[in-house]
Amino acid sequence: MGRLFKLLIFLMIIGFIGLVAYAYVGEYFGANFSPPQTETRMPVTLDAE
């Protein structure tokens, strides 16, 4: 049971390191993480007395 737990922790650490590495170098391989930038205008009615 201990070996299985250690293996699971090891895989989680390796997966986290891989995810962080992909976030940093992904743009060099064509991954674009920036959100689309559009301007949104919405009228607001203020109910003030």
N, C-alpha and C. Protein backbone atom coordinates (compact mmCIF):
# COMPACT_ATOMS: atom_id res chain seq x y z
N MET A 1 0.82 -1.19 0.00
CA MET A 1 0.00 0.00 0.00
C MET A 1 0.87 1.26 0.00
N GLY A 2 1.98 1.22 0.72
CA GLY A 2 2.88 2.37 0.77
C GLY A 2 3.53 2.65 -0.57
N ARG A 3 3.87 1.59 -1.30
CA ARG A 3 4.51 1.79 -2.61
C ARG A 3 3.53 2.43 -3.59
N LEU A 4 2.28 2.02 -3.51
CA LEU A 4 1.26 2.59 -4.40
C LEU A 4 1.05 4.07 -4.09
N PHE A 5 1.03 4.42 -2.82
CA PHE A 5 0.87 5.81 -2.41
C PHE A 5 2.06 6.65 -2.87
N LYS A 6 3.27 6.13 -2.73
CA LYS A 6 4.47 6.85 -3.18
C LYS A 6 4.45 7.04 -4.69
N LEU A 7 4.02 6.01 -5.42
CA LEU A 7 3.93 6.11 -6.87
C LEU A 7 2.91 7.17 -7.28
N LEU A 8 1.78 7.21 -6.60
CA LEU A 8 0.77 8.21 -6.91
C LEU A 8 1.28 9.62 -6.64
N ILE A 9 1.95 9.83 -5.54
CA ILE A 9 2.53 11.14 -5.22
C ILE A 9 3.58 11.52 -6.26
N PHE A 10 4.42 10.56 -6.64
CA PHE A 10 5.46 10.81 -7.65
C PHE A 10 4.82 11.22 -8.98
N LEU A 11 3.78 10.54 -9.40
CA LEU A 11 3.11 10.87 -10.67
C LEU A 11 2.44 12.24 -10.61
N MET A 12 1.90 12.58 -9.45
CA MET A 12 1.29 13.91 -9.31
C MET A 12 2.35 15.01 -9.41
N ILE A 13 3.51 14.79 -8.82
CA ILE A 13 4.59 15.78 -8.88
C ILE A 13 5.10 15.92 -10.31
N ILE A 14 5.31 14.80 -10.98
CA ILE A 14 5.78 14.84 -12.37
C ILE A 14 4.75 15.52 -13.26
N GLY A 15 3.47 15.25 -13.05
CA GLY A 15 2.41 15.90 -13.83
C GLY A 15 2.37 17.40 -13.60
N PHE A 16 2.55 17.82 -12.35
CA PHE A 16 2.56 19.25 -12.05
C PHE A 16 3.75 19.94 -12.71
N ILE A 17 4.91 19.32 -12.64
CA ILE A 17 6.10 19.89 -13.27
C ILE A 17 5.90 19.98 -14.79
N GLY A 18 5.31 18.96 -15.38
CA GLY A 18 5.04 18.99 -16.82
C GLY A 18 4.05 20.07 -17.20
N LEU A 19 3.03 20.28 -16.39
CA LEU A 19 2.04 21.32 -16.66
C LEU A 19 2.67 22.72 -16.57
N VAL A 20 3.50 22.93 -15.57
CA VAL A 20 4.17 24.22 -15.42
C VAL A 20 5.14 24.45 -16.58
N ALA A 21 5.87 23.43 -16.96
CA ALA A 21 6.80 23.56 -18.09
C ALA A 21 6.05 23.87 -19.38
N TYR A 22 4.92 23.22 -19.60
CA TYR A 22 4.12 23.48 -20.81
C TYR A 22 3.58 24.91 -20.80
N ALA A 23 3.21 25.41 -19.64
CA ALA A 23 2.71 26.79 -19.56
C ALA A 23 3.79 27.79 -19.93
N TYR A 24 5.04 27.49 -19.59
CA TYR A 24 6.13 28.42 -19.89
C TYR A 24 6.64 28.29 -21.33
N VAL A 25 6.75 27.10 -21.86
CA VAL A 25 7.34 26.93 -23.19
C VAL A 25 6.31 26.58 -24.25
N GLY A 26 5.04 26.53 -23.90
CA GLY A 26 3.99 26.17 -24.86
C GLY A 26 3.85 27.16 -25.99
N GLU A 27 4.12 28.43 -25.72
CA GLU A 27 3.99 29.43 -26.78
C GLU A 27 5.00 29.24 -27.89
N TYR A 28 6.12 28.60 -27.61
CA TYR A 28 7.11 28.34 -28.65
C TYR A 28 6.69 27.19 -29.56
N PHE A 29 5.72 26.39 -29.13
CA PHE A 29 5.22 25.28 -29.92
C PHE A 29 3.85 25.55 -30.52
N GLY A 30 3.41 26.81 -30.44
CA GLY A 30 2.17 27.19 -31.11
C GLY A 30 0.96 27.29 -30.20
N ALA A 31 1.09 27.07 -28.91
CA ALA A 31 -0.04 27.19 -28.00
C ALA A 31 -0.21 28.65 -27.61
N ASN A 32 -1.41 29.17 -27.76
CA ASN A 32 -1.69 30.57 -27.44
C ASN A 32 -2.62 30.59 -26.23
N PHE A 33 -2.13 31.09 -25.11
CA PHE A 33 -2.90 31.09 -23.88
C PHE A 33 -3.57 32.42 -23.59
N SER A 34 -3.40 33.40 -24.46
CA SER A 34 -4.00 34.71 -24.19
C SER A 34 -5.48 34.68 -24.56
N PRO A 35 -6.31 35.33 -23.77
CA PRO A 35 -7.75 35.36 -24.07
C PRO A 35 -8.03 36.31 -25.23
N PRO A 36 -9.10 36.06 -25.96
CA PRO A 36 -9.46 37.00 -27.03
C PRO A 36 -9.88 38.33 -26.42
N GLN A 37 -9.39 39.41 -26.98
CA GLN A 37 -9.68 40.72 -26.42
C GLN A 37 -10.71 41.42 -27.29
N THR A 38 -11.89 41.61 -26.72
CA THR A 38 -12.95 42.33 -27.39
C THR A 38 -13.54 43.34 -26.41
N GLU A 39 -13.97 44.47 -26.96
CA GLU A 39 -14.57 45.49 -26.12
C GLU A 39 -16.07 45.25 -26.05
N THR A 40 -16.61 45.25 -24.85
CA THR A 40 -18.04 45.04 -24.66
C THR A 40 -18.63 46.25 -23.97
N ARG A 41 -19.64 46.83 -24.59
CA ARG A 41 -20.32 47.99 -24.00
C ARG A 41 -21.76 47.58 -23.70
N MET A 42 -22.17 47.85 -22.48
CA MET A 42 -23.51 47.49 -22.07
C MET A 42 -24.14 48.68 -21.32
N PRO A 43 -25.33 49.13 -21.72
CA PRO A 43 -25.95 50.25 -21.02
C PRO A 43 -26.40 49.82 -19.62
N VAL A 44 -26.22 50.73 -18.66
CA VAL A 44 -26.59 50.46 -17.29
C VAL A 44 -27.57 51.52 -16.83
N THR A 45 -28.67 51.09 -16.25
CA THR A 45 -29.65 52.01 -15.71
C THR A 45 -29.51 52.03 -14.19
N LEU A 46 -29.21 53.22 -13.64
CA LEU A 46 -29.05 53.36 -12.20
C LEU A 46 -30.36 53.83 -11.60
N ASP A 47 -30.84 53.14 -10.59
CA ASP A 47 -32.08 53.47 -9.94
C ASP A 47 -31.77 54.27 -8.67
N ALA A 48 -31.54 55.58 -8.86
CA ALA A 48 -31.19 56.44 -7.73
C ALA A 48 -32.28 57.48 -7.53
N GLU A 49 -32.55 57.79 -6.29
CA GLU A 49 -33.58 58.77 -5.99
C GLU A 49 -32.99 60.04 -5.42
